[in-house]
PDB file of all heavy atoms in Angstrom:
ATOM      1  N   SER A   1       0.806  -1.229  -0.021  1.00  0.00           N
ATOM      2  CA  SER A   1       0.031   0.008  -0.024  1.00  0.00           C
ATOM      3  C   SER A   1       0.884   1.329   0.002  1.00  0.00           C
ATOM      4  O   SER A   1       2.120   1.172   0.194  1.00  0.00           O
ATOM      5  CB  SER A   1      -0.889  -0.051   1.250  1.00  0.00           C
ATOM      6  OG  SER A   1      -0.158   0.105   2.370  1.00  0.00           O
ATOM      7  N   TRP A   2       0.209   2.412  -0.233  1.00  0.00           N
ATOM      8  CA  TRP A   2       0.962   3.596  -0.182  1.00  0.00           C
ATOM      9  C   TRP A   2       1.045   4.253   1.123  1.00  0.00           C
ATOM     10  O   TRP A   2       1.871   5.080   1.505  1.00  0.00           O
ATOM     11  CB  TRP A   2       0.539   4.656  -1.278  1.00  0.00           C
ATOM     12  CG  TRP A   2      -0.841   5.059  -1.248  1.00  0.00           C
ATOM     13  CD1 TRP A   2      -1.970   4.518  -1.794  1.00  0.00           C
ATOM     14  CD2 TRP A   2      -1.371   6.202  -0.472  1.00  0.00           C
ATOM     15  NE1 TRP A   2      -3.130   5.279  -1.534  1.00  0.00           N
ATOM     16  CE2 TRP A   2      -2.784   6.242  -0.653  1.00  0.00           C
ATOM     17  CE3 TRP A   2      -0.782   7.162   0.392  1.00  0.00           C
ATOM     18  CZ2 TRP A   2      -3.563   7.263  -0.177  1.00  0.00           C
ATOM     19  CZ3 TRP A   2      -1.591   8.154   0.929  1.00  0.00           C
ATOM     20  CH2 TRP A   2      -3.081   8.179   0.725  1.00  0.00           C
ATOM     21  N   GLY A   3       0.026   3.931   1.989  1.00  0.00           N
ATOM     22  CA  GLY A   3       0.075   4.405   3.426  1.00  0.00           C
ATOM     23  C   GLY A   3       0.557   3.231   4.278  1.00  0.00           C
ATOM     24  O   GLY A   3       0.258   2.068   4.079  1.00  0.00           O
ATOM     25  N   GLY A   4       1.189   3.514   5.324  1.00  0.00           N
ATOM     26  CA  GLY A   4       1.662   2.551   6.307  1.00  0.00           C
ATOM     27  C   GLY A   4       3.239   2.351   6.231  1.00  0.00           C
ATOM     28  O   GLY A   4       3.967   2.721   7.080  1.00  0.00           O
ATOM     29  N   PRO A   5       3.655   1.693   5.093  1.00  0.00           N
ATOM     30  CA  PRO A   5       2.958   0.944   4.142  1.00  0.00           C
ATOM     31  C   PRO A   5       2.542  -0.508   4.710  1.00  0.00           C
ATOM     32  O   PRO A   5       3.261  -0.915   5.572  1.00  0.00           O
ATOM     33  CB  PRO A   5       3.879   0.846   2.925  1.00  0.00           C
ATOM     34  CG  PRO A   5       5.166   0.869   3.508  1.00  0.00           C
ATOM     35  CD  PRO A   5       5.100   1.786   4.719  1.00  0.00           C
ATOM     36  N   ARG A   6       1.650  -1.110   4.158  1.00  0.00           N
ATOM     37  CA  ARG A   6       1.237  -2.484   4.492  1.00  0.00           C
ATOM     38  C   ARG A   6       1.612  -3.368   3.265  1.00  0.00           C
ATOM     39  O   ARG A   6       1.550  -2.954   2.131  1.00  0.00           O
ATOM     40  CB  ARG A   6      -0.132  -2.676   4.784  1.00  0.00           C
ATOM     41  CG  ARG A   6      -0.587  -1.883   6.011  1.00  0.00           C
ATOM     42  CD  ARG A   6      -2.047  -2.180   6.429  1.00  0.00           C
ATOM     43  NE  ARG A   6      -2.424  -1.487   7.577  1.00  0.00           N
ATOM     44  CZ  ARG A   6      -3.701  -1.513   8.088  1.00  0.00           C
ATOM     45  NH1 ARG A   6      -4.530  -2.272   7.550  1.00  0.00           N
ATOM     46  NH2 ARG A   6      -3.949  -0.888   9.189  1.00  0.00           N
ATOM     47  N   THR A   7       2.068  -4.597   3.591  1.00  0.00           N
ATOM     48  CA  THR A   7       2.410  -5.542   2.518  1.00  0.00           C
ATOM     49  C   THR A   7       1.446  -6.730   2.503  1.00  0.00           C
ATOM     50  O   THR A   7       0.953  -7.075   3.649  1.00  0.00           O
ATOM     51  CB  THR A   7       3.858  -5.996   2.677  1.00  0.00           C
ATOM     52  OG1 THR A   7       3.977  -6.628   3.990  1.00  0.00           O
ATOM     53  CG2 THR A   7       4.852  -4.785   2.568  1.00  0.00           C
ATOM     54  N   TYR A   8       1.333  -7.320   1.347  1.00  0.00           N
ATOM     55  CA  TYR A   8       0.319  -8.349   1.201  1.00  0.00           C
ATOM     56  C   TYR A   8       1.104  -9.369   0.223  1.00  0.00           C
ATOM     57  O   TYR A   8       1.700  -9.003  -0.713  1.00  0.00           O
ATOM     58  CB  TYR A   8      -0.897  -7.959   0.571  1.00  0.00           C
ATOM     59  CG  TYR A   8      -1.669  -6.873   1.300  1.00  0.00           C
ATOM     60  CD1 TYR A   8      -1.295  -5.491   1.193  1.00  0.00           C
ATOM     61  CD2 TYR A   8      -2.525  -7.184   2.188  1.00  0.00           C
ATOM     62  CE1 TYR A   8      -1.814  -4.526   1.950  1.00  0.00           C
ATOM     63  CE2 TYR A   8      -3.225  -6.089   2.953  1.00  0.00           C
ATOM     64  CZ  TYR A   8      -2.884  -4.804   2.784  1.00  0.00           C
ATOM     65  OH  TYR A   8      -3.461  -3.803   3.504  1.00  0.00           O
ATOM     66  N   TYR A   9       0.763 -10.677   0.598  1.00  0.00           N
ATOM     67  CA  TYR A   9       1.484 -11.789  -0.203  1.00  0.00           C
ATOM     68  C   TYR A   9       0.558 -12.890  -0.537  1.00  0.00           C
ATOM     69  O   TYR A   9      -0.271 -13.203   0.243  1.00  0.00           O
ATOM     70  CB  TYR A   9       2.723 -12.316   0.516  1.00  0.00           C
ATOM     71  CG  TYR A   9       3.814 -11.340   0.849  1.00  0.00           C
ATOM     72  CD1 TYR A   9       3.790 -10.650   2.037  1.00  0.00           C
ATOM     73  CD2 TYR A   9       4.748 -11.077  -0.097  1.00  0.00           C
ATOM     74  CE1 TYR A   9       4.779  -9.697   2.299  1.00  0.00           C
ATOM     75  CE2 TYR A   9       5.735 -10.106   0.087  1.00  0.00           C
ATOM     76  CZ  TYR A   9       5.782  -9.399   1.374  1.00  0.00           C
ATOM     77  OH  TYR A   9       6.765  -8.420   1.596  1.00  0.00           O
ATOM     78  N   ALA A  10       0.766 -13.529  -1.678  1.00  0.00           N
ATOM     79  CA  ALA A  10       0.163 -14.788  -2.016  1.00  0.00           C
ATOM     80  C   ALA A  10       0.711 -15.774  -1.077  1.00  0.00           C
ATOM     81  O   ALA A  10       1.876 -15.805  -0.659  1.00  0.00           O
ATOM     82  CB  ALA A  10       0.259 -15.184  -3.506  1.00  0.00           C
ATOM     83  N   ASP A  11      -0.173 -16.837  -0.701  1.00  0.00           N
ATOM     84  CA  ASP A  11       0.438 -17.844   0.163  1.00  0.00           C
ATOM     85  C   ASP A  11       1.604 -18.587  -0.444  1.00  0.00           C
ATOM     86  O   ASP A  11       2.481 -19.014   0.276  1.00  0.00           O
ATOM     87  CB  ASP A  11      -0.658 -18.861   0.467  1.00  0.00           C
ATOM     88  CG  ASP A  11      -1.827 -18.238   1.389  1.00  0.00           C
ATOM     89  OD1 ASP A  11      -1.608 -17.257   2.046  1.00  0.00           O
ATOM     90  OD2 ASP A  11      -2.892 -18.877   1.351  1.00  0.00           O
ATOM     91  N   SER A  12       1.557 -18.736  -1.732  1.00  0.00           N
ATOM     92  CA  SER A  12       2.739 -19.511  -2.401  1.00  0.00           C
ATOM     93  C   SER A  12       4.045 -18.835  -2.211  1.00  0.00           C
ATOM     94  O   SER A  12       5.002 -19.524  -2.426  1.00  0.00           O
ATOM     95  CB  SER A  12       2.283 -19.706  -3.815  1.00  0.00           C
ATOM     96  OG  SER A  12       2.225 -18.387  -4.537  1.00  0.00           O
ATOM     97  N   VAL A  13       4.130 -17.549  -1.988  1.00  0.00           N
ATOM     98  CA  VAL A  13       5.369 -16.815  -1.865  1.00  0.00           C
ATOM     99  C   VAL A  13       5.693 -16.314  -0.424  1.00  0.00           C
ATOM    100  O   VAL A  13       6.738 -15.741  -0.170  1.00  0.00           O
ATOM    101  CB  VAL A  13       5.510 -15.604  -2.939  1.00  0.00           C
ATOM    102  CG1 VAL A  13       5.204 -16.212  -4.211  1.00  0.00           C
ATOM    103  CG2 VAL A  13       4.517 -14.486  -2.497  1.00  0.00           C
ATOM    104  N   LYS A  14       4.647 -16.382   0.410  1.00  0.00           N
ATOM    105  CA  LYS A  14       4.870 -15.811   1.872  1.00  0.00           C
ATOM    106  C   LYS A  14       6.034 -16.481   2.547  1.00  0.00           C
ATOM    107  O   LYS A  14       6.202 -17.698   2.445  1.00  0.00           O
ATOM    108  CB  LYS A  14       3.569 -16.047   2.629  1.00  0.00           C
ATOM    109  CG  LYS A  14       3.353 -15.055   3.741  1.00  0.00           C
ATOM    110  CD  LYS A  14       1.894 -15.329   4.326  1.00  0.00           C
ATOM    111  CE  LYS A  14       0.853 -14.971   3.377  1.00  0.00           C
ATOM    112  NZ  LYS A  14      -0.501 -14.972   3.904  1.00  0.00           N
ATOM    113  N   GLY A  15       6.875 -15.609   3.058  1.00  0.00           N
ATOM    114  CA  GLY A  15       8.067 -16.111   3.723  1.00  0.00           C
ATOM    115  C   GLY A  15       9.327 -16.141   2.769  1.00  0.00           C
ATOM    116  O   GLY A  15      10.411 -16.359   3.334  1.00  0.00           O
ATOM    117  N   ARG A  16       9.077 -16.119   1.483  1.00  0.00           N
ATOM    118  CA  ARG A  16      10.250 -16.164   0.617  1.00  0.00           C
ATOM    119  C   ARG A  16      10.449 -14.914  -0.151  1.00  0.00           C
ATOM    120  O   ARG A  16      11.544 -14.489  -0.507  1.00  0.00           O
ATOM    121  CB  ARG A  16      10.026 -17.321  -0.385  1.00  0.00           C
ATOM    122  CG  ARG A  16       9.798 -18.723   0.251  1.00  0.00           C
ATOM    123  CD  ARG A  16       9.786 -19.710  -0.822  1.00  0.00           C
ATOM    124  NE  ARG A  16       8.560 -19.638  -1.726  1.00  0.00           N
ATOM    125  CZ  ARG A  16       8.655 -19.545  -3.065  1.00  0.00           C
ATOM    126  NH1 ARG A  16       9.841 -19.555  -3.651  1.00  0.00           N
ATOM    127  NH2 ARG A  16       7.524 -19.432  -3.792  1.00  0.00           N
ATOM    128  N   PHE A  17       9.315 -14.212  -0.526  1.00  0.00           N
ATOM    129  CA  PHE A  17       9.340 -12.970  -1.269  1.00  0.00           C
ATOM    130  C   PHE A  17       9.163 -11.740  -0.313  1.00  0.00           C
ATOM    131  O   PHE A  17       8.374 -11.858   0.634  1.00  0.00           O
ATOM    132  CB  PHE A  17       8.362 -12.943  -2.369  1.00  0.00           C
ATOM    133  CG  PHE A  17       8.624 -13.918  -3.494  1.00  0.00           C
ATOM    134  CD1 PHE A  17       9.528 -14.855  -3.368  1.00  0.00           C
ATOM    135  CD2 PHE A  17       7.859 -13.756  -4.666  1.00  0.00           C
ATOM    136  CE1 PHE A  17       9.790 -15.788  -4.489  1.00  0.00           C
ATOM    137  CE2 PHE A  17       8.093 -14.680  -5.726  1.00  0.00           C
ATOM    138  CZ  PHE A  17       9.064 -15.644  -5.596  1.00  0.00           C
ATOM    139  N   THR A  18       9.780 -10.620  -0.624  1.00  0.00           N
ATOM    140  CA  THR A  18       9.506  -9.444   0.058  1.00  0.00           C
ATOM    141  C   THR A  18       9.335  -8.208  -0.904  1.00  0.00           C
ATOM    142  O   THR A  18      10.226  -8.005  -1.764  1.00  0.00           O
ATOM    143  CB  THR A  18      10.787  -9.050   0.970  1.00  0.00           C
ATOM    144  OG1 THR A  18      10.935 -10.146   1.935  1.00  0.00           O
ATOM    145  CG2 THR A  18      10.449  -7.828   1.817  1.00  0.00           C
ATOM    146  N   ILE A  19       8.300  -7.564  -0.738  1.00  0.00           N
ATOM    147  CA  ILE A  19       7.981  -6.342  -1.583  1.00  0.00           C
ATOM    148  C   ILE A  19       8.356  -5.161  -0.646  1.00  0.00           C
ATOM    149  O   ILE A  19       8.111  -5.073   0.538  1.00  0.00           O
ATOM    150  CB  ILE A  19       6.556  -6.293  -1.969  1.00  0.00           C
ATOM    151  CG1 ILE A  19       6.387  -5.225  -2.975  1.00  0.00           C
ATOM    152  CG2 ILE A  19       5.595  -6.248  -0.787  1.00  0.00           C
ATOM    153  CD1 ILE A  19       4.950  -5.304  -3.717  1.00  0.00           C
ATOM    154  N   SER A  20       8.902  -4.172  -1.370  1.00  0.00           N
ATOM    155  CA  SER A  20       9.251  -2.955  -0.733  1.00  0.00           C
ATOM    156  C   SER A  20       9.072  -1.729  -1.701  1.00  0.00           C
ATOM    157  O   SER A  20       9.043  -1.980  -2.906  1.00  0.00           O
ATOM    158  CB  SER A  20      10.604  -2.927   0.032  1.00  0.00           C
ATOM    159  OG  SER A  20      11.585  -3.200  -1.050  1.00  0.00           O
ATOM    160  N   ARG A  21       9.098  -0.591  -1.131  1.00  0.00           N
ATOM    161  CA  ARG A  21       9.007   0.603  -2.036  1.00  0.00           C
ATOM    162  C   ARG A  21       9.807   1.674  -1.432  1.00  0.00           C
ATOM    163  O   ARG A  21      10.016   1.922  -0.242  1.00  0.00           O
ATOM    164  CB  ARG A  21       7.512   1.079  -2.204  1.00  0.00           C
ATOM    165  CG  ARG A  21       6.845   1.670  -1.066  1.00  0.00           C
ATOM    166  CD  ARG A  21       5.412   1.830  -1.344  1.00  0.00           C
ATOM    167  NE  ARG A  21       5.099   2.860  -2.368  1.00  0.00           N
ATOM    168  CZ  ARG A  21       3.913   2.984  -2.953  1.00  0.00           C
ATOM    169  NH1 ARG A  21       3.011   2.152  -2.707  1.00  0.00           N
ATOM    170  NH2 ARG A  21       3.821   3.884  -3.840  1.00  0.00           N
ATOM    171  N   ASP A  22      10.444   2.481  -2.399  1.00  0.00           N
ATOM    172  CA  ASP A  22      11.278   3.541  -2.117  1.00  0.00           C
ATOM    173  C   ASP A  22      10.666   4.775  -2.700  1.00  0.00           C
ATOM    174  O   ASP A  22      10.838   5.000  -3.881  1.00  0.00           O
ATOM    175  CB  ASP A  22      12.662   3.439  -2.521  1.00  0.00           C
ATOM    176  CG  ASP A  22      13.597   4.553  -2.033  1.00  0.00           C
ATOM    177  OD1 ASP A  22      13.108   5.698  -1.860  1.00  0.00           O
ATOM    178  OD2 ASP A  22      14.825   4.389  -2.019  1.00  0.00           O
ATOM    179  N   ASN A  23       9.866   5.602  -2.000  1.00  0.00           N
ATOM    180  CA  ASN A  23       9.089   6.690  -2.637  1.00  0.00           C
ATOM    181  C   ASN A  23       9.982   7.763  -3.117  1.00  0.00           C
ATOM    182  O   ASN A  23       9.727   8.383  -4.103  1.00  0.00           O
ATOM    183  CB  ASN A  23       8.058   7.249  -1.648  1.00  0.00           C
ATOM    184  CG  ASN A  23       6.888   6.264  -1.391  1.00  0.00           C
ATOM    185  OD1 ASN A  23       6.631   5.419  -2.292  1.00  0.00           O
ATOM    186  ND2 ASN A  23       6.259   6.348  -0.272  1.00  0.00           N
ATOM    187  N   ALA A  24      11.141   7.923  -2.467  1.00  0.00           N
ATOM    188  CA  ALA A  24      12.083   8.907  -2.899  1.00  0.00           C
ATOM    189  C   ALA A  24      12.638   8.613  -4.392  1.00  0.00           C
ATOM    190  O   ALA A  24      12.942   9.510  -5.133  1.00  0.00           O
ATOM    191  CB  ALA A  24      13.244   9.068  -1.963  1.00  0.00           C
ATOM    192  N   LYS A  25      12.687   7.340  -4.563  1.00  0.00           N
ATOM    193  CA  LYS A  25      13.237   6.845  -5.936  1.00  0.00           C
ATOM    194  C   LYS A  25      12.096   6.453  -6.849  1.00  0.00           C
ATOM    195  O   LYS A  25      12.315   5.984  -7.999  1.00  0.00           O
ATOM    196  CB  LYS A  25      14.128   5.794  -5.788  1.00  0.00           C
ATOM    197  CG  LYS A  25      15.493   6.026  -5.018  1.00  0.00           C
ATOM    198  CD  LYS A  25      16.441   4.905  -4.903  1.00  0.00           C
ATOM    199  CE  LYS A  25      17.628   5.256  -4.142  1.00  0.00           C
ATOM    200  NZ  LYS A  25      18.615   4.109  -4.003  1.00  0.00           N
ATOM    201  N   ASN A  26      10.817   6.598  -6.413  1.00  0.00           N
ATOM    202  CA  ASN A  26       9.654   6.141  -7.231  1.00  0.00           C
ATOM    203  C   ASN A  26       9.876   4.675  -7.689  1.00  0.00           C
ATOM    204  O   ASN A  26       9.609   4.389  -8.914  1.00  0.00           O
ATOM    205  CB  ASN A  26       9.538   6.988  -8.496  1.00  0.00           C
ATOM    206  CG  ASN A  26       8.795   8.279  -8.084  1.00  0.00           C
ATOM    207  OD1 ASN A  26       8.540   8.525  -6.891  1.00  0.00           O
ATOM    208  ND2 ASN A  26       8.590   9.290  -8.991  1.00  0.00           N
ATOM    209  N   THR A  27      10.377   3.831  -6.832  1.00  0.00           N
ATOM    210  CA  THR A  27      10.683   2.420  -7.288  1.00  0.00           C
ATOM    211  C   THR A  27      10.122   1.488  -6.213  1.00  0.00           C
ATOM    212  O   THR A  27      10.080   1.705  -5.044  1.00  0.00           O
ATOM    213  CB  THR A  27      12.200   2.261  -7.344  1.00  0.00           C
ATOM    214  OG1 THR A  27      12.707   3.228  -8.349  1.00  0.00           O
ATOM    215  CG2 THR A  27      12.551   0.853  -7.758  1.00  0.00           C
ATOM    216  N   VAL A  28       9.596   0.358  -6.756  1.00  0.00           N
ATOM    217  CA  VAL A  28       9.167  -0.755  -5.999  1.00  0.00           C
ATOM    218  C   VAL A  28       9.993  -1.955  -6.313  1.00  0.00           C
ATOM    219  O   VAL A  28      10.406  -2.131  -7.431  1.00  0.00           O
ATOM    220  CB  VAL A  28       7.623  -1.074  -6.178  1.00  0.00           C
ATOM    221  CG1 VAL A  28       7.293  -1.502  -7.590  1.00  0.00           C
ATOM    222  CG2 VAL A  28       7.084  -2.074  -5.220  1.00  0.00           C
ATOM    223  N   TYR A  29      10.189  -2.766  -5.348  1.00  0.00           N
ATOM    224  CA  TYR A  29      11.092  -3.888  -5.492  1.00  0.00           C
ATOM    225  C   TYR A  29      10.418  -5.207  -4.991  1.00  0.00           C
ATOM    226  O   TYR A  29       9.513  -5.271  -4.257  1.00  0.00           O
ATOM    227  CB  TYR A  29      12.357  -3.770  -4.609  1.00  0.00           C
ATOM    228  CG  TYR A  29      13.164  -2.533  -4.777  1.00  0.00           C
ATOM    229  CD1 TYR A  29      12.906  -1.334  -3.918  1.00  0.00           C
ATOM    230  CD2 TYR A  29      14.053  -2.373  -5.824  1.00  0.00           C
ATOM    231  CE1 TYR A  29      13.611  -0.235  -4.140  1.00  0.00           C
ATOM    232  CE2 TYR A  29      14.824  -1.257  -5.962  1.00  0.00           C
ATOM    233  CZ  TYR A  29      14.595  -0.122  -5.091  1.00  0.00           C
ATOM    234  OH  TYR A  29      15.268   1.022  -5.443  1.00  0.00           O
ATOM    235  N   LEU A  30      10.858  -6.376  -5.632  1.00  0.00           N
ATOM    236  CA  LEU A  30      10.396  -7.631  -5.219  1.00  0.00           C
ATOM    237  C   LEU A  30      11.711  -8.420  -5.044  1.00  0.00           C
ATOM    238  O   LEU A  30      12.315  -8.859  -5.942  1.00  0.00           O
ATOM    239  CB  LEU A  30       9.546  -8.337  -6.206  1.00  0.00           C
ATOM    240  CG  LEU A  30       8.896  -9.574  -5.805  1.00  0.00           C
ATOM    241  CD1 LEU A  30       7.849  -9.395  -4.615  1.00  0.00           C
ATOM    242  CD2 LEU A  30       8.149 -10.317  -6.943  1.00  0.00           C
ATOM    243  N   GLN A  31      12.022  -8.673  -3.776  1.00  0.00           N
ATOM    244  CA  GLN A  31      13.174  -9.524  -3.432  1.00  0.00           C
ATOM    245  C   GLN A  31      12.673 -10.943  -3.333  1.00  0.00           C
ATOM    246  O   GLN A  31      11.760 -11.237  -2.612  1.00  0.00           O
ATOM    247  CB  GLN A  31      13.838  -9.170  -2.121  1.00  0.00           C
ATOM    248  CG  GLN A  31      14.894 -10.017  -1.687  1.00  0.00           C
ATOM    249  CD  GLN A  31      16.144 -10.013  -2.569  1.00  0.00           C
ATOM    250  OE1 GLN A  31      16.560  -8.868  -2.928  1.00  0.00           O
ATOM    251  NE2 GLN A  31      16.662 -11.090  -2.897  1.00  0.00           N
ATOM    252  N   MET A  32      13.193 -11.886  -4.194  1.00  0.00           N
ATOM    253  CA  MET A  32      12.697 -13.224  -4.237  1.00  0.00           C
ATOM    254  C   MET A  32      13.763 -14.201  -3.763  1.00  0.00           C
ATOM    255  O   MET A  32      14.910 -14.255  -4.385  1.00  0.00           O
ATOM    256  CB  MET A  32      12.305 -13.582  -5.625  1.00  0.00           C
ATOM    257  CG  MET A  32      11.262 -12.636  -6.182  1.00  0.00           C
ATOM    258  SD  MET A  32      10.677 -13.067  -7.843  1.00  0.00           S
ATOM    259  CE  MET A  32      12.104 -12.831  -8.742  1.00  0.00           C
ATOM    260  N   ASN A  33      13.607 -14.831  -2.657  1.00  0.00           N
ATOM    261  CA  ASN A  33      14.566 -15.809  -2.119  1.00  0.00           C
ATOM    262  C   ASN A  33      14.016 -17.186  -2.123  1.00  0.00           C
ATOM    263  O   ASN A  33      12.872 -17.412  -2.367  1.00  0.00           O
ATOM    264  CB  ASN A  33      14.904 -15.409  -0.770  1.00  0.00           C
ATOM    265  CG  ASN A  33      15.533 -13.993  -0.588  1.00  0.00           C
ATOM    266  OD1 ASN A  33      16.279 -13.647  -1.432  1.00  0.00           O
ATOM    267  ND2 ASN A  33      15.258 -13.406   0.584  1.00  0.00           N
ATOM    268  N   SER A  34      14.886 -18.229  -2.024  1.00  0.00           N
ATOM    269  CA  SER A  34      14.391 -19.569  -1.990  1.00  0.00           C
ATOM    270  C   SER A  34      13.637 -19.956  -3.172  1.00  0.00           C
ATOM    271  O   SER A  34      12.514 -20.487  -3.019  1.00  0.00           O
ATOM    272  CB  SER A  34      13.779 -19.902  -0.645  1.00  0.00           C
ATOM    273  OG  SER A  34      14.620 -19.648   0.467  1.00  0.00           O
ATOM    274  N   LEU A  35      14.029 -19.471  -4.345  1.00  0.00           N
ATOM    275  CA  LEU A  35      13.290 -19.646  -5.514  1.00  0.00           C
ATOM    276  C   LEU A  35      12.969 -21.145  -5.842  1.00  0.00           C
ATOM    277  O   LEU A  35      13.903 -21.936  -5.692  1.00  0.00           O
ATOM    278  CB  LEU A  35      13.850 -18.926  -6.750  1.00  0.00           C
ATOM    279  CG  LEU A  35      13.552 -17.403  -6.700  1.00  0.00           C
ATOM    280  CD1 LEU A  35      14.589 -16.678  -7.522  1.00  0.00           C
ATOM    281  CD2 LEU A  35      12.118 -17.014  -7.098  1.00  0.00           C
ATOM    282  N   LYS A  36      11.866 -21.405  -6.408  1.00  0.00           N
ATOM    283  CA  LYS A  36      11.489 -22.795  -6.868  1.00  0.00           C
ATOM    284  C   LYS A  36      11.156 -22.773  -8.321  1.00  0.00           C
ATOM    285  O   LYS A  36      10.783 -21.719  -8.845  1.00  0.00           O
ATOM    286  CB  LYS A  36      10.225 -23.209  -6.005  1.00  0.00           C
ATOM    287  CG  LYS A  36      10.350 -23.088  -4.486  1.00  0.00           C
ATOM    288  CD  LYS A  36       8.984 -23.478  -3.883  1.00  0.00           C
ATOM    289  CE  LYS A  36       9.118 -23.348  -2.385  1.00  0.00           C
ATOM    290  NZ  LYS A  36       7.823 -23.710  -1.652  1.00  0.00           N
ATOM    291  N   PRO A  37      11.231 -23.917  -8.880  1.00  0.00           N
ATOM    292  CA  PRO A  37      10.931 -23.988 -10.295  1.00  0.00           C
ATOM    293  C   PRO A  37       9.489 -23.464 -10.643  1.00  0.00           C
ATOM    294  O   PRO A  37       9.309 -22.968 -11.731  1.00  0.00           O
ATOM    295  CB  PRO A  37      11.106 -25.508 -10.644  1.00  0.00           C
ATOM    296  CG  PRO A  37      12.145 -26.032  -9.722  1.00  0.00           C
ATOM    297  CD  PRO A  37      11.803 -25.266  -8.500  1.00  0.00           C
TER     298      PRO A  37
END
């Protein structure tokens, strides 16, 4: 979300993926760890 911010995940990626945003850079990121096929 843009306020908070709050994060939300699909069950299939919870605990492995992290979403973040840097409003100063107008950029959102998705860090993906423990990737699976």
